[in-house]
Amino acid sequence: MQLNVVRDEIPDDYSLLESGLGLDSILIAELIARIEDRFGLQLDDRVLEAELFNNLSLLAGFVAQERLATSRNSQSQVTKC
């Protein structure tokens, strides 16, 4: 994913959509795929809600919740075995 911005210069409350970084639907799909690969998540259609992409803080919070839920589900599967 190629963006013409310096990562450290993007504030946490900066929009990822048109009013900020200007990510279009293709770049959003690529970002979702990268998040899934990087964090071992399988995201459902909830991730397509535009509110998640209003800023980095919202997206990071969602990813953190999904990681925690995935971790809890994995642990409960191990406990059941």
C-alpha atoms as a PDB file:
ATOM      1  CA  MET A   1       0.000   0.000   0.000  1.00  0.00           C
ATOM      2  CA  GLN A   2       1.632   3.189  -1.200  1.00  0.00           C
ATOM      3  CA  LEU A   3       0.607   6.478   0.423  1.00  0.00           C
ATOM      4  CA  ASN A   4       2.400   9.762  -0.026  1.00  0.00           C
ATOM      5  CA  VAL A   5       2.508  10.604   3.672  1.00  0.00           C
ATOM      6  CA  VAL A   6       4.989  10.071   6.460  1.00  0.00           C
ATOM      7  CA  ARG A   7       3.579   7.561   8.936  1.00  0.00           C
ATOM      8  CA  ASP A   8       4.718   9.509  12.004  1.00  0.00           C
ATOM      9  CA  GLU A   9       2.970  12.649  10.742  1.00  0.00           C
ATOM     10  CA  ILE A  10      -0.524  11.099  10.741  1.00  0.00           C
ATOM     11  CA  PRO A  11      -2.387  12.053  13.937  1.00  0.00           C
ATOM     12  CA  ASP A  12      -4.525   9.386  15.621  1.00  0.00           C
ATOM     13  CA  ASP A  13      -7.709  11.336  14.918  1.00  0.00           C
ATOM     14  CA  TYR A  14      -6.977  11.850  11.204  1.00  0.00           C
ATOM     15  CA  SER A  15      -9.623  10.494   8.841  1.00  0.00           C
ATOM     16  CA  LEU A  16      -8.664   7.634   6.574  1.00  0.00           C
ATOM     17  CA  LEU A  17     -11.415   8.569   4.119  1.00  0.00           C
ATOM     18  CA  GLU A  18     -11.800  11.381   1.582  1.00  0.00           C
ATOM     19  CA  SER A  19     -11.526  14.174   4.140  1.00  0.00           C
ATOM     20  CA  GLY A  20      -8.144  12.878   5.315  1.00  0.00           C
ATOM     21  CA  LEU A  21      -5.861  10.336   3.699  1.00  0.00           C
ATOM     22  CA  GLY A  22      -8.361   9.843   0.902  1.00  0.00           C
ATOM     23  CA  LEU A  23      -8.454   6.040   0.910  1.00  0.00           C
ATOM     24  CA  ASP A  24     -10.876   4.722  -1.686  1.00  0.00           C
ATOM     25  CA  SER A  25     -12.740   1.403  -1.556  1.00  0.00           C
ATOM     26  CA  ILE A  26      -9.848  -0.502  -3.141  1.00  0.00           C
ATOM     27  CA  LEU A  27      -7.341   0.840  -0.618  1.00  0.00           C
ATOM     28  CA  ILE A  28      -9.770   0.154   2.238  1.00  0.00           C
ATOM     29  CA  ALA A  29     -10.082  -3.463   1.031  1.00  0.00           C
ATOM     30  CA  GLU A  30      -6.289  -3.729   0.877  1.00  0.00           C
ATOM     31  CA  LEU A  31      -5.989  -2.268   4.371  1.00  0.00           C
ATOM     32  CA  ILE A  32      -8.524  -4.795   5.690  1.00  0.00           C
ATOM     33  CA  ALA A  33      -6.598  -7.665   4.060  1.00  0.00           C
ATOM     34  CA  ARG A  34      -3.346  -6.427   5.582  1.00  0.00           C
ATOM     35  CA  ILE A  35      -4.933  -6.145   9.044  1.00  0.00           C
ATOM     36  CA  GLU A  36      -6.267  -9.698   8.719  1.00  0.00           C
ATOM     37  CA  ASP A  37      -2.852 -11.016   7.668  1.00  0.00           C
ATOM     38  CA  ARG A  38      -0.855  -9.034  10.231  1.00  0.00           C
ATOM     39  CA  PHE A  39      -3.040  -9.854  13.228  1.00  0.00           C
ATOM     40  CA  GLY A  40      -4.417 -13.262  12.191  1.00  0.00           C
ATOM     41  CA  LEU A  41      -7.996 -12.031  12.138  1.00  0.00           C
ATOM     42  CA  GLN A  42     -10.954 -12.999   9.984  1.00  0.00           C
ATOM     43  CA  LEU A  43     -13.079  -9.854   9.827  1.00  0.00           C
ATOM     44  CA  ASP A  44     -16.734  -9.891   8.844  1.00  0.00           C
ATOM     45  CA  ASP A  45     -18.924  -7.265   7.171  1.00  0.00           C
ATOM     46  CA  ARG A  46     -18.962  -5.076  10.310  1.00  0.00           C
ATOM     47  CA  VAL A  47     -15.521  -3.864   9.296  1.00  0.00           C
ATOM     48  CA  LEU A  48     -17.036  -2.210   6.231  1.00  0.00           C
ATOM     49  CA  GLU A  49     -18.883   0.291   8.412  1.00  0.00           C
ATOM     50  CA  ALA A  50     -17.470   3.681   7.492  1.00  0.00           C
ATOM     51  CA  GLU A  51     -17.281   4.797  11.133  1.00  0.00           C
ATOM     52  CA  LEU A  52     -14.322   2.476  11.687  1.00  0.00           C
ATOM     53  CA  PHE A  53     -12.356   4.399   9.105  1.00  0.00           C
ATOM     54  CA  ASN A  54     -13.176   7.843  10.484  1.00  0.00           C
ATOM     55  CA  ASN A  55      -9.801   7.818  12.212  1.00  0.00           C
ATOM     56  CA  LEU A  56      -6.918   5.600  13.248  1.00  0.00           C
ATOM     57  CA  SER A  57      -8.012   5.493  16.893  1.00  0.00           C
ATOM     58  CA  LEU A  58     -11.386   3.966  16.017  1.00  0.00           C
ATOM     59  CA  LEU A  59      -9.816   1.418  13.691  1.00  0.00           C
ATOM     60  CA  ALA A  60      -7.099   0.517  16.200  1.00  0.00           C
ATOM     61  CA  GLY A  61      -9.708   0.088  18.945  1.00  0.00           C
ATOM     62  CA  PHE A  62     -11.765  -2.215  16.740  1.00  0.00           C
ATOM     63  CA  VAL A  63      -8.701  -4.307  15.837  1.00  0.00           C
ATOM     64  CA  ALA A  64      -7.741  -4.562  19.527  1.00  0.00           C
ATOM     65  CA  GLN A  65     -11.267  -5.775  20.411  1.00  0.00           C
ATOM     66  CA  GLU A  66     -11.206  -8.338  17.616  1.00  0.00           C
ATOM     67  CA  ARG A  67      -7.792  -9.620  18.703  1.00  0.00           C
ATOM     68  CA  LEU A  68      -9.016  -9.980  22.289  1.00  0.00           C
ATOM     69  CA  ALA A  69     -12.167 -11.802  21.173  1.00  0.00           C
ATOM     70  CA  THR A  70     -10.116 -14.121  18.938  1.00  0.00           C
ATOM     71  CA  SER A  71      -7.724 -14.827  21.787  1.00  0.00           C
ATOM     72  CA  ARG A  72     -10.578 -15.620  24.179  1.00  0.00           C
ATOM     73  CA  ASN A  73     -12.231 -17.921  21.634  1.00  0.00           C
ATOM     74  CA  SER A  74      -8.947 -19.764  21.073  1.00  0.00           C
ATOM     75  CA  GLN A  75      -8.434 -20.226  24.795  1.00  0.00           C
ATOM     76  CA  SER A  76     -11.978 -21.521  25.319  1.00  0.00           C
ATOM     77  CA  GLN A  77     -11.475 -24.034  22.484  1.00  0.00           C
ATOM     78  CA  VAL A  78      -8.317 -25.334  24.176  1.00  0.00           C
ATOM     79  CA  THR A  79     -10.133 -25.590  27.520  1.00  0.00           C
ATOM     80  CA  LYS A  80     -12.956 -27.638  25.974  1.00  0.00           C
ATOM     81  CA  CYS A  81     -10.564 -30.218  24.506  1.00  0.00           C
END
